[in-house]
């Protein structure tokens, strides 16, 4: 049975770490992480950092896609203006 304080549960949720049905914390590779032991707390911290880097990479990729789409739209708008002026 899972006996974590509410703040610990919120921190786990914010980090994007999942719990299995028995309340065992799972890393991104689905390996159980025991709560409370110092080496496992370090594993949680590293897992959180890995997830944050992944989220940041996804945000940067989305920003790149939006910029690329904006440039393409500008080119299309420019071509439409040229065609309309003919």
PDB file of N, CA and C in Angstrom:
ATOM      1  N   UNK A   1       0.838  -1.189   0.000  1.00  0.00           N
ATOM      2  CA  UNK A   1       0.000   0.000   0.000  1.00  0.00           C
ATOM      3  C   UNK A   1       0.877   1.244   0.000  1.00  0.00           C
ATOM      4  N   UNK A   2       0.506   2.215  -0.749  1.00  0.00           N
ATOM      5  CA  UNK A   2       1.266   3.443  -0.863  1.00  0.00           C
ATOM      6  C   UNK A   2       0.977   4.350   0.325  1.00  0.00           C
ATOM      7  N   UNK A   3       2.023   4.796   1.007  1.00  0.00           N
ATOM      8  CA  UNK A   3       1.866   5.659   2.175  1.00  0.00           C
ATOM      9  C   UNK A   3       2.742   6.893   2.018  1.00  0.00           C
ATOM     10  N   UNK A   4       2.534   7.646   0.993  1.00  0.00           N
ATOM     11  CA  UNK A   4       3.300   8.860   0.772  1.00  0.00           C
ATOM     12  C   UNK A   4       2.472  10.061   1.190  1.00  0.00           C
ATOM     13  N   UNK A   5       3.160  11.092   1.680  1.00  0.00           N
ATOM     14  CA  UNK A   5       2.462  12.317   2.029  1.00  0.00           C
ATOM     15  C   UNK A   5       1.944  12.984   0.757  1.00  0.00           C
ATOM     16  N   UNK A   6       0.908  13.808   0.915  1.00  0.00           N
ATOM     17  CA  UNK A   6       0.303  14.475  -0.240  1.00  0.00           C
ATOM     18  C   UNK A   6       1.321  15.270  -1.051  1.00  0.00           C
ATOM     19  N   UNK A   7       2.230  15.983  -0.370  1.00  0.00           N
ATOM     20  CA  UNK A   7       3.223  16.790  -1.085  1.00  0.00           C
ATOM     21  C   UNK A   7       4.134  15.906  -1.920  1.00  0.00           C
ATOM     22  N   UNK A   8       4.502  14.750  -1.398  1.00  0.00           N
ATOM     23  CA  UNK A   8       5.339  13.824  -2.164  1.00  0.00           C
ATOM     24  C   UNK A   8       4.599  13.323  -3.394  1.00  0.00           C
ATOM     25  N   UNK A   9       3.316  13.040  -3.237  1.00  0.00           N
ATOM     26  CA  UNK A   9       2.517  12.589  -4.383  1.00  0.00           C
ATOM     27  C   UNK A   9       2.423  13.680  -5.444  1.00  0.00           C
ATOM     28  N   UNK A  10       2.229  14.920  -5.013  1.00  0.00           N
ATOM     29  CA  UNK A  10       2.159  16.034  -5.969  1.00  0.00           C
ATOM     30  C   UNK A  10       3.488  16.204  -6.703  1.00  0.00           C
ATOM     31  N   UNK A  11       4.587  16.048  -5.973  1.00  0.00           N
ATOM     32  CA  UNK A  11       5.909  16.171  -6.597  1.00  0.00           C
ATOM     33  C   UNK A  11       6.121  15.074  -7.632  1.00  0.00           C
ATOM     34  N   UNK A  12       5.673  13.881  -7.320  1.00  0.00           N
ATOM     35  CA  UNK A  12       5.787  12.765  -8.259  1.00  0.00           C
ATOM     36  C   UNK A  12       4.963  13.056  -9.507  1.00  0.00           C
ATOM     37  N   UNK A  13       3.742  13.549  -9.328  1.00  0.00           N
ATOM     38  CA  UNK A  13       2.885  13.872 -10.468  1.00  0.00           C
ATOM     39  C   UNK A  13       3.491  14.981 -11.320  1.00  0.00           C
ATOM     40  N   UNK A  14       4.042  16.017 -10.673  1.00  0.00           N
ATOM     41  CA  UNK A  14       4.659  17.125 -11.418  1.00  0.00           C
ATOM     42  C   UNK A  14       5.850  16.638 -12.230  1.00  0.00           C
ATOM     43  N   UNK A  15       6.562  15.654 -11.706  1.00  0.00           N
ATOM     44  CA  UNK A  15       7.732  15.125 -12.414  1.00  0.00           C
ATOM     45  C   UNK A  15       7.326  14.204 -13.551  1.00  0.00           C
ATOM     46  N   UNK A  16       6.047  13.859 -13.630  1.00  0.00           N
ATOM     47  CA  UNK A  16       5.586  12.968 -14.688  1.00  0.00           C
ATOM     48  C   UNK A  16       5.917  11.514 -14.434  1.00  0.00           C
ATOM     49  N   UNK A  17       6.197  11.177 -13.179  1.00  0.00           N
ATOM     50  CA  UNK A  17       6.547   9.797 -12.837  1.00  0.00           C
ATOM     51  C   UNK A  17       5.271   9.029 -12.557  1.00  0.00           C
ATOM     52  N   UNK A  18       5.219   7.816 -13.073  1.00  0.00           N
ATOM     53  CA  UNK A  18       4.005   7.014 -12.965  1.00  0.00           C
ATOM     54  C   UNK A  18       4.087   6.031 -11.802  1.00  0.00           C
ATOM     55  N   UNK A  19       2.917   5.671 -11.294  1.00  0.00           N
ATOM     56  CA  UNK A  19       2.805   4.648 -10.261  1.00  0.00           C
ATOM     57  C   UNK A  19       2.071   3.458 -10.851  1.00  0.00           C
ATOM     58  N   UNK A  20       2.504   2.250 -10.469  1.00  0.00           N
ATOM     59  CA  UNK A  20       1.749   1.088 -10.933  1.00  0.00           C
ATOM     60  C   UNK A  20       0.553   0.878 -10.008  1.00  0.00           C
ATOM     61  N   UNK A  21      -0.245  -0.151 -10.239  1.00  0.00           N
ATOM     62  CA  UNK A  21      -1.472  -0.363  -9.463  1.00  0.00           C
ATOM     63  C   UNK A  21      -1.196  -0.597  -7.984  1.00  0.00           C
ATOM     64  N   UNK A  22      -0.014  -1.111  -7.665  1.00  0.00           N
ATOM     65  CA  UNK A  22       0.341  -1.359  -6.267  1.00  0.00           C
ATOM     66  C   UNK A  22       0.933  -0.122  -5.607  1.00  0.00           C
ATOM     67  N   UNK A  23       1.043   0.979  -6.346  1.00  0.00           N
ATOM     68  CA  UNK A  23       1.600   2.196  -5.783  1.00  0.00           C
ATOM     69  C   UNK A  23       3.107   2.255  -5.857  1.00  0.00           C
ATOM     70  N   UNK A  24       3.702   1.381  -6.643  1.00  0.00           N
ATOM     71  CA  UNK A  24       5.150   1.391  -6.799  1.00  0.00           C
ATOM     72  C   UNK A  24       5.501   2.388  -7.890  1.00  0.00           C
ATOM     73  N   UNK A  25       6.459   3.237  -7.592  1.00  0.00           N
ATOM     74  CA  UNK A  25       6.872   4.259  -8.541  1.00  0.00           C
ATOM     75  C   UNK A  25       7.656   3.600  -9.666  1.00  0.00           C
ATOM     76  N   UNK A  26       7.303   3.960 -10.897  1.00  0.00           N
ATOM     77  CA  UNK A  26       7.986   3.417 -12.067  1.00  0.00           C
ATOM     78  C   UNK A  26       8.754   4.522 -12.770  1.00  0.00           C
ATOM     79  N   UNK A  27       9.977   4.215 -13.182  1.00  0.00           N
ATOM     80  CA  UNK A  27      10.749   5.140 -13.995  1.00  0.00           C
ATOM     81  C   UNK A  27      10.258   5.068 -15.429  1.00  0.00           C
ATOM     82  N   UNK A  28      10.871   5.846 -16.301  1.00  0.00           N
ATOM     83  CA  UNK A  28      10.435   5.865 -17.700  1.00  0.00           C
ATOM     84  C   UNK A  28      10.669   4.525 -18.389  1.00  0.00           C
ATOM     85  N   UNK A  29      11.567   3.720 -17.835  1.00  0.00           N
ATOM     86  CA  UNK A  29      11.829   2.400 -18.406  1.00  0.00           C
ATOM     87  C   UNK A  29      11.013   1.308 -17.718  1.00  0.00           C
ATOM     88  N   UNK A  30       9.979   1.714 -16.949  1.00  0.00           N
ATOM     89  CA  UNK A  30       9.069   0.812 -16.229  1.00  0.00           C
ATOM     90  C   UNK A  30       9.758  -0.046 -15.178  1.00  0.00           C
ATOM     91  N   UNK A  31      10.912   0.397 -14.687  1.00  0.00           N
ATOM     92  CA  UNK A  31      11.589  -0.302 -13.597  1.00  0.00           C
ATOM     93  C   UNK A  31      11.127   0.332 -12.288  1.00  0.00           C
ATOM     94  N   UNK A  32      10.653  -0.487 -11.333  1.00  0.00           N
ATOM     95  CA  UNK A  32      10.189   0.059 -10.056  1.00  0.00           C
ATOM     96  C   UNK A  32      11.300   0.804  -9.314  1.00  0.00           C
ATOM     97  N   UNK A  33      10.924   1.907  -8.695  1.00  0.00           N
ATOM     98  CA  UNK A  33      11.843   2.683  -7.867  1.00  0.00           C
ATOM     99  C   UNK A  33      11.260   2.700  -6.459  1.00  0.00           C
ATOM    100  N   UNK A  34      12.002   2.206  -5.491  1.00  0.00           N
ATOM    101  CA  UNK A  34      11.518   2.210  -4.109  1.00  0.00           C
ATOM    102  C   UNK A  34      11.658   3.617  -3.549  1.00  0.00           C
ATOM    103  N   UNK A  35      10.684   4.031  -2.753  1.00  0.00           N
ATOM    104  CA  UNK A  35      10.673   5.366  -2.173  1.00  0.00           C
ATOM    105  C   UNK A  35      11.363   5.351  -0.819  1.00  0.00           C
ATOM    106  N   UNK A  36      12.145   6.386  -0.533  1.00  0.00           N
ATOM    107  CA  UNK A  36      12.668   6.586   0.799  1.00  0.00           C
ATOM    108  C   UNK A  36      14.137   6.274   0.968  1.00  0.00           C
ATOM    109  N   UNK A  37      14.730   5.482   0.146  1.00  0.00           N
ATOM    110  CA  UNK A  37      16.145   5.188   0.260  1.00  0.00           C
ATOM    111  C   UNK A  37      16.905   6.249  -0.519  1.00  0.00           C
ATOM    112  N   UNK A  38      18.016   6.699   0.030  1.00  0.00           N
ATOM    113  CA  UNK A  38      18.721   7.842  -0.564  1.00  0.00           C
ATOM    114  C   UNK A  38      19.132   7.593  -2.009  1.00  0.00           C
ATOM    115  N   UNK A  39      19.602   6.383  -2.323  1.00  0.00           N
ATOM    116  CA  UNK A  39      19.999   6.129  -3.714  1.00  0.00           C
ATOM    117  C   UNK A  39      18.789   6.154  -4.642  1.00  0.00           C
ATOM    118  N   UNK A  40      17.635   5.762  -4.129  1.00  0.00           N
ATOM    119  CA  UNK A  40      16.425   5.784  -4.949  1.00  0.00           C
ATOM    120  C   UNK A  40      15.865   7.196  -5.081  1.00  0.00           C
ATOM    121  N   UNK A  41      16.071   8.017  -4.057  1.00  0.00           N
ATOM    122  CA  UNK A  41      15.682   9.421  -4.184  1.00  0.00           C
ATOM    123  C   UNK A  41      16.527  10.094  -5.260  1.00  0.00           C
ATOM    124  N   UNK A  42      17.785   9.714  -5.335  1.00  0.00           N
ATOM    125  CA  UNK A  42      18.650  10.236  -6.398  1.00  0.00           C
ATOM    126  C   UNK A  42      18.140   9.771  -7.762  1.00  0.00           C
ATOM    127  N   UNK A  43      17.692   8.518  -7.840  1.00  0.00           N
ATOM    128  CA  UNK A  43      17.127   8.008  -9.094  1.00  0.00           C
ATOM    129  C   UNK A  43      15.898   8.821  -9.484  1.00  0.00           C
ATOM    130  N   UNK A  44      15.065   9.161  -8.496  1.00  0.00           N
ATOM    131  CA  UNK A  44      13.881   9.981  -8.780  1.00  0.00           C
ATOM    132  C   UNK A  44      14.281  11.354  -9.305  1.00  0.00           C
ATOM    133  N   UNK A  45      15.294  11.944  -8.679  1.00  0.00           N
ATOM    134  CA  UNK A  45      15.758  13.258  -9.111  1.00  0.00           C
ATOM    135  C   UNK A  45      16.273  13.191 -10.555  1.00  0.00           C
ATOM    136  N   UNK A  46      17.058  12.161 -10.853  1.00  0.00           N
ATOM    137  CA  UNK A  46      17.579  11.996 -12.214  1.00  0.00           C
ATOM    138  C   UNK A  46      16.454  11.750 -13.214  1.00  0.00           C
ATOM    139  N   UNK A  47      15.468  10.958 -12.803  1.00  0.00           N
ATOM    140  CA  UNK A  47      14.316  10.680 -13.669  1.00  0.00           C
ATOM    141  C   UNK A  47      13.553  11.979 -13.954  1.00  0.00           C
ATOM    142  N   UNK A  48      13.393  12.804 -12.923  1.00  0.00           N
ATOM    143  CA  UNK A  48      12.700  14.080 -13.090  1.00  0.00           C
ATOM    144  C   UNK A  48      13.469  14.979 -14.056  1.00  0.00           C
ATOM    145  N   UNK A  49      14.798  15.039 -13.905  1.00  0.00           N
ATOM    146  CA  UNK A  49      15.614  15.847 -14.807  1.00  0.00           C
ATOM    147  C   UNK A  49      15.502  15.352 -16.243  1.00  0.00           C
ATOM    148  N   UNK A  50      15.494  14.027 -16.411  1.00  0.00           N
ATOM    149  CA  UNK A  50      15.382  13.456 -17.751  1.00  0.00           C
ATOM    150  C   UNK A  50      14.044  13.842 -18.383  1.00  0.00           C
ATOM    151  N   UNK A  51      12.968  13.771 -17.603  1.00  0.00           N
ATOM    152  CA  UNK A  51      11.651  14.143 -18.116  1.00  0.00           C
ATOM    153  C   UNK A  51      11.579  15.631 -18.444  1.00  0.00           C
ATOM    154  N   UNK A  52      12.207  16.466 -17.602  1.00  0.00           N
ATOM    155  CA  UNK A  52      12.211  17.905 -17.870  1.00  0.00           C
ATOM    156  C   UNK A  52      12.979  18.219 -19.147  1.00  0.00           C
ATOM    157  N   UNK A  53      14.108  17.528 -19.372  1.00  0.00           N
ATOM    158  CA  UNK A  53      14.867  17.727 -20.614  1.00  0.00           C
ATOM    159  C   UNK A  53      14.034  17.296 -21.816  1.00  0.00           C
ATOM    160  N   UNK A  54      13.324  16.183 -21.678  1.00  0.00           N
ATOM    161  CA  UNK A  54      12.472  15.698 -22.763  1.00  0.00           C
ATOM    162  C   UNK A  54      11.383  16.726 -23.086  1.00  0.00           C
ATOM    163  N   UNK A  55      10.751  17.266 -22.031  1.00  0.00           N
ATOM    164  CA  UNK A  55       9.705  18.268 -22.244  1.00  0.00           C
ATOM    165  C   UNK A  55      10.278  19.516 -22.914  1.00  0.00           C
ATOM    166  N   UNK A  56      11.474  19.942 -22.489  1.00  0.00           N
ATOM    167  CA  UNK A  56      12.112  21.114 -23.083  1.00  0.00           C
ATOM    168  C   UNK A  56      12.432  20.864 -24.552  1.00  0.00           C
ATOM    169  N   UNK A  57      12.941  19.669 -24.855  1.00  0.00           N
ATOM    170  CA  UNK A  57      13.229  19.317 -26.250  1.00  0.00           C
ATOM    171  C   UNK A  57      11.961  19.354 -27.092  1.00  0.00           C
ATOM    172  N   UNK A  58      10.859  18.839 -26.534  1.00  0.00           N
ATOM    173  CA  UNK A  58       9.584  18.856 -27.256  1.00  0.00           C
ATOM    174  C   UNK A  58       9.112  20.289 -27.503  1.00  0.00           C
ATOM    175  N   UNK A  59       9.281  21.167 -26.502  1.00  0.00           N
ATOM    176  CA  UNK A  59       8.890  22.568 -26.674  1.00  0.00           C
ATOM    177  C   UNK A  59       9.727  23.245 -27.755  1.00  0.00           C
ATOM    178  N   UNK A  60      11.035  22.975 -27.756  1.00  0.00           N
ATOM    179  CA  UNK A  60      11.899  23.571 -28.766  1.00  0.00           C
ATOM    180  C   UNK A  60      11.554  23.059 -30.161  1.00  0.00           C
ATOM    181  N   UNK A  61      11.233  21.787 -30.267  1.00  0.00           N
ATOM    182  CA  UNK A  61      10.843  21.222 -31.557  1.00  0.00           C
ATOM    183  C   UNK A  61       9.547  21.864 -32.054  1.00  0.00           C
ATOM    184  N   UNK A  62       8.591  22.042 -31.159  1.00  0.00           N
ATOM    185  CA  UNK A  62       7.325  22.676 -31.537  1.00  0.00           C
ATOM    186  C   UNK A  62       7.554  24.127 -31.966  1.00  0.00           C
ATOM    187  N   UNK A  63       8.430  24.833 -31.257  1.00  0.00           N
ATOM    188  CA  UNK A  63       8.761  26.213 -31.626  1.00  0.00           C
ATOM    189  C   UNK A  63       9.373  26.247 -33.025  1.00  0.00           C
ATOM    190  N   UNK A  64      10.279  25.322 -33.309  1.00  0.00           N
ATOM    191  CA  UNK A  64      10.897  25.240 -34.633  1.00  0.00           C
ATOM    192  C   UNK A  64       9.846  24.989 -35.710  1.00  0.00           C
ATOM    193  N   UNK A  65       8.927  24.070 -35.428  1.00  0.00           N
ATOM    194  CA  UNK A  65       7.859  23.765 -36.393  1.00  0.00           C
ATOM    195  C   UNK A  65       6.999  24.994 -36.673  1.00  0.00           C
ATOM    196  N   UNK A  66       6.659  25.728 -35.616  1.00  0.00           N
ATOM    197  CA  UNK A  66       5.842  26.934 -35.790  1.00  0.00           C
ATOM    198  C   UNK A  66       6.573  27.985 -36.613  1.00  0.00           C
ATOM    199  N   UNK A  67       7.869  28.162 -36.337  1.00  0.00           N
ATOM    200  CA  UNK A  67       8.650  29.131 -37.105  1.00  0.00           C
ATOM    201  C   UNK A  67       8.721  28.719 -38.574  1.00  0.00           C
ATOM    202  N   UNK A  68       8.910  27.440 -38.814  1.00  0.00           N
ATOM    203  CA  UNK A  68       8.984  26.931 -40.185  1.00  0.00           C
ATOM    204  C   UNK A  68       7.647  27.151 -40.899  1.00  0.00           C
ATOM    205  N   UNK A  69       6.543  26.876 -40.205  1.00  0.00           N
ATOM    206  CA  UNK A  69       5.214  27.087 -40.791  1.00  0.00           C
ATOM    207  C   UNK A  69       4.962  28.565 -41.069  1.00  0.00           C
ATOM    208  N   UNK A  70       5.420  29.435 -40.179  1.00  0.00           N
ATOM    209  CA  UNK A  70       5.247  30.872 -40.367  1.00  0.00           C
ATOM    210  C   UNK A  70       6.004  31.340 -41.603  1.00  0.00           C
ATOM    211  N   UNK A  71       7.240  30.863 -41.765  1.00  0.00           N
ATOM    212  CA  UNK A  71       8.024  31.225 -42.952  1.00  0.00           C
ATOM    213  C   UNK A  71       7.342  30.740 -44.228  1.00  0.00           C
ATOM    214  N   UNK A  72       6.838  29.531 -44.207  1.00  0.00           N
ATOM    215  CA  UNK A  72       6.150  28.979 -45.380  1.00  0.00           C
ATOM    216  C   UNK A  72       4.906  29.805 -45.697  1.00  0.00           C
ATOM    217  N   UNK A  73       4.168  30.213 -44.659  1.00  0.00           N
ATOM    218  CA  UNK A  73       2.965  31.015 -44.865  1.00  0.00           C
ATOM    219  C   UNK A  73       3.315  32.374 -45.462  1.00  0.00           C
ATOM    220  N   UNK A  74       4.411  32.972 -45.009  1.00  0.00           N
ATOM    221  CA  UNK A  74       4.837  34.264 -45.567  1.00  0.00           C
ATOM    222  C   UNK A  74       5.166  34.131 -47.052  1.00  0.00           C
ATOM    223  N   UNK A  75       5.856  33.054 -47.411  1.00  0.00           N
ATOM    224  CA  UNK A  75       6.187  32.839 -48.827  1.00  0.00           C
ATOM    225  C   UNK A  75       4.914  32.675 -49.657  1.00  0.00           C
ATOM    226  N   UNK A  76       3.966  31.905 -49.132  1.00  0.00           N
ATOM    227  CA  UNK A  76       2.701  31.717 -49.853  1.00  0.00           C
ATOM    228  C   UNK A  76       1.949  33.035 -49.995  1.00  0.00           C
ATOM    229  N   UNK A  77       1.909  33.816 -48.919  1.00  0.00           N
ATOM    230  CA  UNK A  77       1.237  35.118 -48.975  1.00  0.00           C
ATOM    231  C   UNK A  77       1.896  36.018 -50.022  1.00  0.00           C
ATOM    232  N   UNK A  78       3.207  36.003 -50.050  1.00  0.00           N
ATOM    233  CA  UNK A  78       3.951  36.811 -51.011  1.00  0.00           C
ATOM    234  C   UNK A  78       3.640  36.371 -52.439  1.00  0.00           C
ATOM    235  N   UNK A  79       3.588  35.072 -52.669  1.00  0.00           N
ATOM    236  CA  UNK A  79       3.267  34.557 -54.000  1.00  0.00           C
ATOM    237  C   UNK A  79       1.841  34.915 -54.398  1.00  0.00           C
ATOM    238  N   UNK A  80       0.922  34.876 -53.448  1.00  0.00           N
ATOM    239  CA  UNK A  80      -0.473  35.246 -53.735  1.00  0.00           C
ATOM    240  C   UNK A  80      -0.569  36.714 -54.136  1.00  0.00           C
ATOM    241  N   UNK A  81       0.184  37.576 -53.457  1.00  0.00           N
ATOM    242  CA  UNK A  81       0.175  38.999 -53.802  1.00  0.00           C
ATOM    243  C   UNK A  81       0.712  39.220 -55.208  1.00  0.00           C
ATOM    244  N   UNK A  82       1.756  38.493 -55.569  1.00  0.00           N
ATOM    245  CA  UNK A  82       2.324  38.611 -56.917  1.00  0.00           C
ATOM    246  C   UNK A  82       1.299  38.173 -57.956  1.00  0.00           C
ATOM    247  N   UNK A  83       0.640  37.059 -57.699  1.00  0.00           N
ATOM    248  CA  UNK A  83      -0.363  36.536 -58.632  1.00  0.00           C
ATOM    249  C   UNK A  83      -1.535  37.505 -58.751  1.00  0.00           C
ATOM    250  N   UNK A  84      -1.966  38.073 -57.628  1.00  0.00           N
ATOM    251  CA  UNK A  84      -3.093  39.010 -57.650  1.00  0.00           C
ATOM    252  C   UNK A  84      -2.745  40.289 -58.409  1.00  0.00           C
ATOM    253  N   UNK A  85      -1.488  40.673 -58.377  1.00  0.00           N
ATOM    254  CA  UNK A  85      -1.100  41.915 -59.055  1.00  0.00           C
ATOM    255  C   UNK A  85      -0.947  41.734 -60.565  1.00  0.00           C
ATOM    256  N   UNK A  86      -0.948  40.488 -61.009  1.00  0.00           N
ATOM    257  CA  UNK A  86      -0.801  40.220 -62.452  1.00  0.00           C
ATOM    258  C   UNK A  86      -2.112  40.445 -63.172  1.00  0.00           C
TER     259      UNK A  86
END
